[in-house]
Protein backbone atom coordinates (compact mmCIF):
# COMPACT_ATOMS: atom_id res chain seq x y z
CA MET A 1 6.81 13.13 11.91
CA ALA A 2 9.73 11.33 10.02
CA LEU A 3 9.23 7.74 9.01
CA SER A 4 11.69 5.04 10.25
CA MET A 5 14.02 3.11 8.29
CA GLU A 6 11.90 0.23 8.28
CA GLU A 7 8.72 2.15 7.53
CA GLN A 8 10.48 3.67 4.71
CA ARG A 9 11.59 0.22 3.45
CA ILE A 10 8.10 -1.12 3.80
CA LEU A 11 6.61 1.76 1.79
CA THR A 12 9.15 1.62 -0.70
CA GLN A 13 8.26 -1.91 -1.29
CA ILE A 14 4.66 -1.16 -1.35
CA GLU A 15 5.59 1.28 -4.14
CA VAL A 16 7.51 -1.47 -6.03
CA ARG A 17 4.63 -3.63 -6.07
CA LEU A 18 2.13 -1.06 -6.93
CA SER A 19 4.29 -0.14 -9.70
CA GLU A 20 4.40 -4.01 -11.10
CA ASP A 21 0.54 -4.58 -10.53
CA ASP A 22 -0.54 -1.36 -11.82
CA PRO A 23 1.87 0.77 -13.56
CA ARG A 24 -0.78 3.15 -14.83
CA LEU A 25 -1.86 3.88 -11.37
CA ALA A 26 1.63 4.03 -9.94
CA HIS A 27 2.28 6.58 -12.69
CA ARG A 28 -0.70 8.80 -11.86
CA LEU A 29 0.16 8.43 -8.35
CA SER A 30 3.68 9.71 -8.81
CA ALA A 31 2.40 12.48 -11.19
CA LEU A 32 0.72 14.10 -8.07
CA GLY A 33 4.08 15.82 -7.12
CA ASN A 34 6.64 15.83 -4.28
CA GLY A 35 6.46 16.85 -0.72
CA ALA A 36 3.27 16.54 1.96
CA ARG A 37 0.87 15.56 -1.03
CA ARG A 38 3.28 12.57 -2.01
CA ARG A 39 3.76 11.21 1.44
CA ARG A 40 -0.21 11.11 1.96
CA VAL A 41 -0.54 9.24 -1.28
CA ARG A 42 2.12 6.81 -0.05
CA ILE A 43 0.34 6.55 3.48
CA ILE A 44 -3.14 6.14 1.77
CA ALA A 45 -1.79 3.45 -0.80
CA ALA A 46 -0.18 1.57 2.45
CA VAL A 47 -3.76 1.86 4.38
CA ALA A 48 -5.16 0.42 1.07
CA VAL A 49 -2.83 -2.28 0.97
CA ALA A 50 -2.90 -3.10 4.73
CA ALA A 51 -6.63 -3.34 4.69
CA ILE A 52 -6.83 -5.68 1.55
CA GLY A 53 -4.70 -7.76 3.43
CA ILE A 54 -6.36 -7.82 6.50
CA ALA A 55 -9.59 -8.56 4.42
CA THR A 56 -8.01 -11.52 2.91
CA ILE A 57 -6.86 -12.97 6.05
CA VAL A 58 -10.41 -12.48 7.75
CA ALA A 59 -12.05 -14.20 4.51
CA ALA A 60 -9.62 -16.98 4.42
CA ALA A 61 -10.53 -17.66 7.94
CA VAL A 62 -14.32 -17.39 7.27
CA ILE A 63 -13.80 -20.04 4.54
CA THR A 64 -11.71 -22.23 6.40
CA THR A 65 -14.17 -21.90 9.40
CA VAL A 66 -17.55 -22.70 7.21
CA THR A 67 -16.07 -25.71 5.38
């Protein structure tokens, strides 16, 4: 299943931010190779970033509600 242009753009942004935030991890991920393996790593990274974002939003909502 091919990614849409928007999905590819978002994944590229995530990759750039990852490279800026943790260059060592980004280098290790890029060393894994091309093809399906690389796509899986990008998807896993995107899911991880999304989970962190959701957790941050939930935590902010809880903190706001508690105070």
